[in-house]
Amino acid sequence: MPVRRGAAAAWSIITERMFRALTATLGAVVRLAFLGTGSAFSLERYNGAVVVDGRILLDAGAPLLPHMHRLGIDPLGIDVIFLSHFHGGHVLGLPPYLLHRGMNGGRALQVVGPPGVEAKLEQLNLLAWGEDWGAFRGRIDLSFEEAGASGEAAGVHYEAVPLDHGSQECRGYRLHLGGRVLAYAGDTTVTPPLDRLVDGAAVVITEATAPEPSAVHTSWGEAEALAARHPRTRFLFNHVFAGRPPMGAVQDLQVLDV
C-alpha cells in the first residue's frame, strides 16, 4: 500500500506540472458551468445557459437562481450577460434573476445582445412583474449594449457575428479570455458565418439539436462535420433535444475547466 500511495502522489505531482505547463502554453484555463443544455422544447434537459468563470453569463433560458446555487455560483457575481437572441429558451430565466438582483443589490450588470435588447428585456420584465418592475429596476445598476462588430463589456473584449436563425436577429460571440478565444453560437444553421465564428477559437459552444436536419437549427451530423472542419478546436455541443447526441455534448449542471 505505501508504494501505491507513493506512486499516486508522484503521478499527481507530474500531472499537476503537466497541467501548469499546458496552461502556460495555451493560455488561462476557463471554467464553464452549464446551467442548462437543452433546446426550448426538450423533455429531458433544461433550457440553455452557461456561466463562464463565475462572472459571464451566456444566454439565460435555464432556472438561473437554483442552478447557480447548486453549483456554488454567486448570482450577484455576474458582471455581464451575452444574449444570442430573444427566443424564450434563451431569456426566460432573466425575470427571476433580475428580481433577485433588484432585491439584493450588488455590482453593476451589463447586458449585451442583438438590436433592441433593452426594449425587449424591459417588455419581458414588465410582463413578468407589472408595475413592481420599475421599483426593482431602479435598484439595479443595469446597462444595455447592442452588440457591434466588436466591443468591450465588463472588461471582456468580444466580437459579435450575425448568425442565421430563421427570422430572429441572432448573434454569436467570440470572447477573448486569457489569450484564447471562447466562441458561443446560441442557435444557428450551419452557414458560412458560423464557420467564421468558430475559426481559430480554442473552445466552441454550439448547438447539436437533433439527428434530423432543420431549417433553423444544427443537426448532429452537421455539428460533427463542423468540428471536423476545425480539428484544432474543442467543441462542446448543447441545445440538445433528446437522445444520444454527438461525442462532446455537455450535460445539465456539468462544470468543465477548459
Protein backbone atom coordinates (compact mmCIF):
# COMPACT_ATOMS: atom_id res chain seq x y z
CA MET A 1 0.00 0.00 0.00
CA PRO A 2 2.74 2.58 0.79
CA VAL A 3 4.19 2.01 -2.67
CA ARG A 4 0.80 2.62 -4.27
CA ARG A 5 0.26 5.78 -2.28
CA GLY A 6 3.73 6.99 -3.20
CA ALA A 7 3.15 6.25 -6.86
CA ALA A 8 -0.20 8.03 -6.74
CA ALA A 9 1.39 11.06 -5.11
CA ALA A 10 4.19 11.13 -7.69
CA TRP A 11 1.69 10.84 -10.53
CA SER A 12 -0.37 13.65 -9.02
CA ILE A 13 2.71 15.91 -8.95
CA ILE A 14 3.58 15.01 -12.55
CA THR A 15 0.08 15.65 -13.85
CA GLU A 16 -0.10 18.94 -11.96
CA ARG A 17 3.17 20.05 -13.56
CA MET A 18 1.91 18.96 -16.98
CA PHE A 19 -1.32 20.88 -16.39
CA ARG A 20 0.58 24.03 -15.43
CA ALA A 21 2.86 23.70 -18.45
CA LEU A 22 -0.11 23.23 -20.75
CA THR A 23 -1.84 26.24 -19.22
CA ALA A 24 1.26 28.36 -19.73
CA THR A 25 1.39 27.27 -23.36
CA LEU A 26 -2.28 27.52 -24.28
CA GLY A 27 -3.42 30.36 -22.04
CA ALA A 28 -5.53 30.63 -18.91
CA VAL A 29 -7.99 27.90 -18.00
CA VAL A 30 -11.65 28.90 -18.28
CA ARG A 31 -14.34 27.37 -16.05
CA LEU A 32 -17.66 26.67 -17.77
CA ALA A 33 -20.76 25.85 -15.74
CA PHE A 34 -23.68 24.59 -17.84
CA LEU A 35 -26.89 25.58 -16.07
CA GLY A 36 -28.89 24.05 -18.92
CA THR A 37 -28.09 22.33 -22.21
CA GLY A 38 -31.44 21.64 -23.87
CA SER A 39 -33.49 23.02 -26.70
CA ALA A 40 -36.58 25.07 -25.89
CA PHE A 41 -38.83 22.05 -26.40
CA SER A 42 -36.69 19.37 -24.72
CA LEU A 43 -38.38 17.00 -22.27
CA GLU A 44 -35.04 15.81 -20.90
CA ARG A 45 -32.91 18.94 -20.43
CA TYR A 46 -33.18 22.47 -19.10
CA ASN A 47 -33.01 25.41 -21.49
CA GLY A 48 -29.58 26.80 -22.26
CA ALA A 49 -27.41 29.00 -20.05
CA VAL A 50 -23.66 28.92 -19.38
CA VAL A 51 -21.65 30.71 -16.68
CA VAL A 52 -18.04 31.49 -17.58
CA ASP A 53 -15.55 31.98 -14.75
CA GLY A 54 -18.35 32.89 -12.35
CA ARG A 55 -18.85 36.35 -13.90
CA ILE A 56 -20.08 35.98 -17.50
CA LEU A 57 -23.47 34.54 -18.44
CA LEU A 58 -24.14 33.24 -21.94
CA ASP A 59 -27.90 33.21 -22.56
CA ALA A 60 -30.42 32.77 -19.78
CA GLY A 61 -33.01 30.11 -20.51
CA ALA A 62 -32.43 27.82 -17.53
CA PRO A 63 -33.75 28.40 -13.98
CA LEU A 64 -30.73 30.56 -13.18
CA LEU A 65 -31.03 31.07 -9.44
CA PRO A 66 -31.45 27.46 -8.21
CA HIS A 67 -28.92 26.12 -10.70
CA MET A 68 -26.32 28.72 -9.76
CA HIS A 69 -26.95 27.85 -6.10
CA ARG A 70 -26.48 24.13 -6.75
CA LEU A 71 -23.14 24.80 -8.44
CA GLY A 72 -21.88 27.27 -5.83
CA ILE A 73 -22.06 30.28 -8.15
CA ASP A 74 -22.90 33.67 -6.63
CA PRO A 75 -25.78 35.19 -8.65
CA LEU A 76 -24.60 38.67 -7.64
CA GLY A 77 -21.16 37.95 -9.10
CA ILE A 78 -22.30 38.09 -12.73
CA ASP A 79 -20.86 41.19 -14.43
CA VAL A 80 -22.12 40.76 -17.99
CA ILE A 81 -24.76 38.76 -19.86
CA PHE A 82 -24.37 37.99 -23.56
CA LEU A 83 -27.68 37.13 -25.24
CA SER A 84 -27.66 35.38 -28.60
CA HIS A 85 -31.32 36.14 -29.41
CA PHE A 86 -34.72 36.63 -27.79
CA HIS A 87 -36.43 33.24 -28.07
CA GLY A 88 -37.90 32.09 -24.75
CA GLY A 89 -35.44 29.23 -24.36
CA HIS A 90 -32.66 31.80 -24.10
CA VAL A 91 -34.16 34.62 -22.00
CA LEU A 92 -36.97 33.35 -19.75
CA GLY A 93 -34.64 32.78 -16.80
CA LEU A 94 -33.96 36.51 -16.64
CA PRO A 95 -37.06 37.91 -14.85
CA PRO A 96 -36.50 35.97 -11.58
CA TYR A 97 -32.76 36.57 -11.82
CA LEU A 98 -33.12 40.33 -12.30
CA LEU A 99 -35.68 40.45 -9.47
CA HIS A 100 -33.06 38.82 -7.23
CA ARG A 101 -30.53 41.46 -8.28
CA GLY A 102 -33.06 44.19 -7.52
CA MET A 103 -33.74 42.77 -4.06
CA ASN A 104 -30.10 42.20 -3.13
CA GLY A 105 -28.14 44.94 -4.85
CA GLY A 106 -24.63 44.05 -5.91
CA ARG A 107 -22.30 45.38 -8.54
CA ALA A 108 -23.06 46.74 -11.99
CA LEU A 109 -24.59 44.42 -14.56
CA GLN A 110 -24.26 44.89 -18.31
CA VAL A 111 -26.39 43.08 -20.90
CA VAL A 112 -25.15 42.70 -24.48
CA GLY A 113 -27.47 41.47 -27.19
CA PRO A 114 -28.89 41.91 -30.69
CA PRO A 115 -30.59 45.16 -31.75
CA GLY A 116 -33.46 46.12 -29.46
CA VAL A 117 -32.05 44.32 -26.40
CA GLU A 118 -33.07 47.00 -23.90
CA ALA A 119 -36.64 47.38 -25.18
CA LYS A 120 -37.13 43.59 -25.41
CA LEU A 121 -35.99 42.95 -21.84
CA GLU A 122 -37.93 45.86 -20.40
CA GLN A 123 -41.03 44.46 -22.09
CA LEU A 124 -40.30 40.97 -20.73
CA ASN A 125 -39.86 42.21 -17.17
CA LEU A 126 -42.95 44.40 -17.30
CA LEU A 127 -44.91 41.35 -18.37
CA ALA A 128 -43.41 39.30 -15.54
CA TRP A 129 -43.62 41.82 -12.68
CA GLY A 130 -46.05 44.51 -13.82
CA GLU A 131 -45.87 47.88 -12.05
CA ASP A 132 -43.46 46.50 -9.44
CA TRP A 133 -40.71 46.17 -12.03
CA GLY A 134 -39.99 49.90 -12.02
CA ALA A 135 -39.07 49.87 -8.31
CA PHE A 136 -36.81 46.84 -8.63
CA ARG A 137 -35.29 48.17 -11.85
CA GLY A 138 -34.23 51.31 -10.02
CA ARG A 139 -32.18 49.25 -7.54
CA ILE A 140 -30.05 47.57 -10.22
CA ASP A 141 -27.03 49.26 -11.78
CA LEU A 142 -28.13 47.86 -15.14
CA SER A 143 -26.98 48.90 -18.60
CA PHE A 144 -27.56 47.57 -22.10
CA GLU A 145 -25.41 47.42 -25.21
CA GLU A 146 -26.42 46.42 -28.70
CA ALA A 147 -23.64 44.17 -29.91
CA GLY A 148 -21.47 45.76 -32.55
CA ALA A 149 -18.87 44.01 -34.65
CA SER A 150 -16.54 44.28 -31.67
CA GLY A 151 -16.57 45.84 -28.26
CA GLU A 152 -15.79 45.52 -24.58
CA ALA A 153 -18.25 44.74 -21.81
CA ALA A 154 -17.30 44.48 -18.12
CA GLY A 155 -13.67 44.20 -19.16
CA VAL A 156 -14.34 41.39 -21.64
CA HIS A 157 -13.26 42.05 -25.22
CA TYR A 158 -15.70 40.45 -27.66
CA GLU A 159 -16.55 40.17 -31.32
CA ALA A 160 -20.14 39.59 -32.43
CA VAL A 161 -21.02 37.65 -35.58
CA PRO A 162 -24.56 37.76 -37.06
CA LEU A 163 -25.82 34.19 -37.40
CA ASP A 164 -28.72 32.65 -39.34
CA HIS A 165 -31.64 31.52 -37.17
CA GLY A 166 -34.91 31.91 -39.02
CA SER A 167 -36.41 35.40 -38.67
CA GLN A 168 -34.53 36.13 -35.43
CA GLU A 169 -31.76 38.68 -35.08
CA CYS A 170 -29.14 36.30 -33.73
CA ARG A 171 -25.56 36.92 -32.61
CA GLY A 172 -22.68 34.60 -31.90
CA TYR A 173 -19.84 35.84 -29.71
CA ARG A 174 -16.09 35.44 -29.66
CA LEU A 175 -14.87 36.21 -26.14
CA HIS A 176 -11.17 36.91 -25.65
CA LEU A 177 -10.22 35.37 -22.32
CA GLY A 178 -6.65 34.95 -21.11
CA GLY A 179 -5.14 34.95 -24.57
CA ARG A 180 -7.62 32.46 -26.01
CA VAL A 181 -10.97 32.73 -27.76
CA LEU A 182 -14.17 31.13 -26.48
CA ALA A 183 -16.82 31.13 -29.22
CA TYR A 184 -20.51 30.83 -28.41
CA ALA A 185 -23.17 30.33 -31.05
CA GLY A 186 -26.55 30.11 -29.33
CA ASP A 187 -28.84 28.82 -32.12
CA THR A 188 -28.00 28.78 -35.81
CA THR A 189 -27.98 26.84 -39.01
CA VAL A 190 -24.62 25.81 -40.45
CA THR A 191 -23.80 28.65 -42.82
CA PRO A 192 -20.52 30.47 -43.56
CA PRO A 193 -20.96 32.93 -40.63
CA LEU A 194 -20.83 30.01 -38.19
CA ASP A 195 -17.50 28.87 -39.63
CA ARG A 196 -16.21 32.44 -39.27
CA LEU A 197 -17.32 32.47 -35.64
CA VAL A 198 -15.54 29.19 -34.95
CA ASP A 199 -12.34 29.83 -36.90
CA GLY A 200 -9.27 29.94 -34.65
CA ALA A 201 -11.21 29.60 -31.39
CA ALA A 202 -9.75 27.39 -28.67
CA VAL A 203 -13.17 26.29 -27.41
CA VAL A 204 -16.59 26.46 -29.09
CA ILE A 205 -20.04 26.04 -27.53
CA THR A 206 -22.58 25.44 -30.27
CA GLU A 207 -25.78 23.54 -30.84
CA ALA A 208 -26.46 19.98 -31.92
CA THR A 209 -30.22 19.87 -31.65
CA ALA A 210 -31.40 16.62 -33.22
CA PRO A 211 -30.46 13.89 -35.72
CA GLU A 212 -32.74 15.34 -38.38
CA PRO A 213 -31.82 18.39 -40.49
CA SER A 214 -33.65 21.61 -39.68
CA ALA A 215 -34.27 24.91 -41.42
CA VAL A 216 -33.30 26.84 -38.26
CA HIS A 217 -31.04 24.56 -36.20
CA THR A 218 -27.87 22.48 -36.49
CA SER A 219 -28.30 18.71 -36.75
CA TRP A 220 -25.98 16.18 -35.12
CA GLY A 221 -24.37 15.32 -38.44
CA GLU A 222 -23.84 18.99 -39.29
CA ALA A 223 -22.30 19.60 -35.86
CA GLU A 224 -19.88 16.72 -36.32
CA ALA A 225 -18.93 17.97 -39.80
CA LEU A 226 -18.34 21.47 -38.40
CA ALA A 227 -15.99 20.04 -35.78
CA ALA A 228 -14.16 18.03 -38.44
CA ARG A 229 -13.50 21.25 -40.40
CA HIS A 230 -11.87 22.79 -37.31
CA PRO A 231 -9.81 19.92 -35.84
CA ARG A 232 -7.71 22.10 -33.53
CA THR A 233 -10.76 23.47 -31.71
CA ARG A 234 -12.53 21.79 -28.81
CA PHE A 235 -16.27 21.59 -29.42
CA LEU A 236 -18.88 21.42 -26.66
CA PHE A 237 -22.34 20.70 -28.04
CA ASN A 238 -25.53 21.91 -26.36
CA HIS A 239 -29.15 22.80 -27.24
CA VAL A 240 -29.89 19.07 -27.41
CA PHE A 241 -33.50 17.95 -27.79
CA ALA A 242 -33.23 14.31 -26.67
CA GLY A 243 -31.38 11.06 -27.09
CA ARG A 244 -27.67 10.37 -27.51
CA PRO A 245 -26.06 13.39 -29.19
CA PRO A 246 -22.57 13.51 -30.75
CA MET A 247 -19.43 12.99 -28.70
CA GLY A 248 -18.59 16.23 -26.94
CA ALA A 249 -22.16 17.03 -25.89
CA VAL A 250 -22.41 18.55 -22.43
CA GLN A 251 -24.93 17.80 -19.68
CA ASP A 252 -27.08 19.91 -17.39
CA LEU A 253 -25.18 21.14 -14.30
CA GLN A 254 -21.84 19.97 -15.72
CA VAL A 255 -18.77 22.05 -14.84
CA LEU A 256 -15.70 21.93 -17.08
CA ASP A 257 -12.28 23.54 -16.89
CA VAL A 258 -11.10 24.05 -20.46
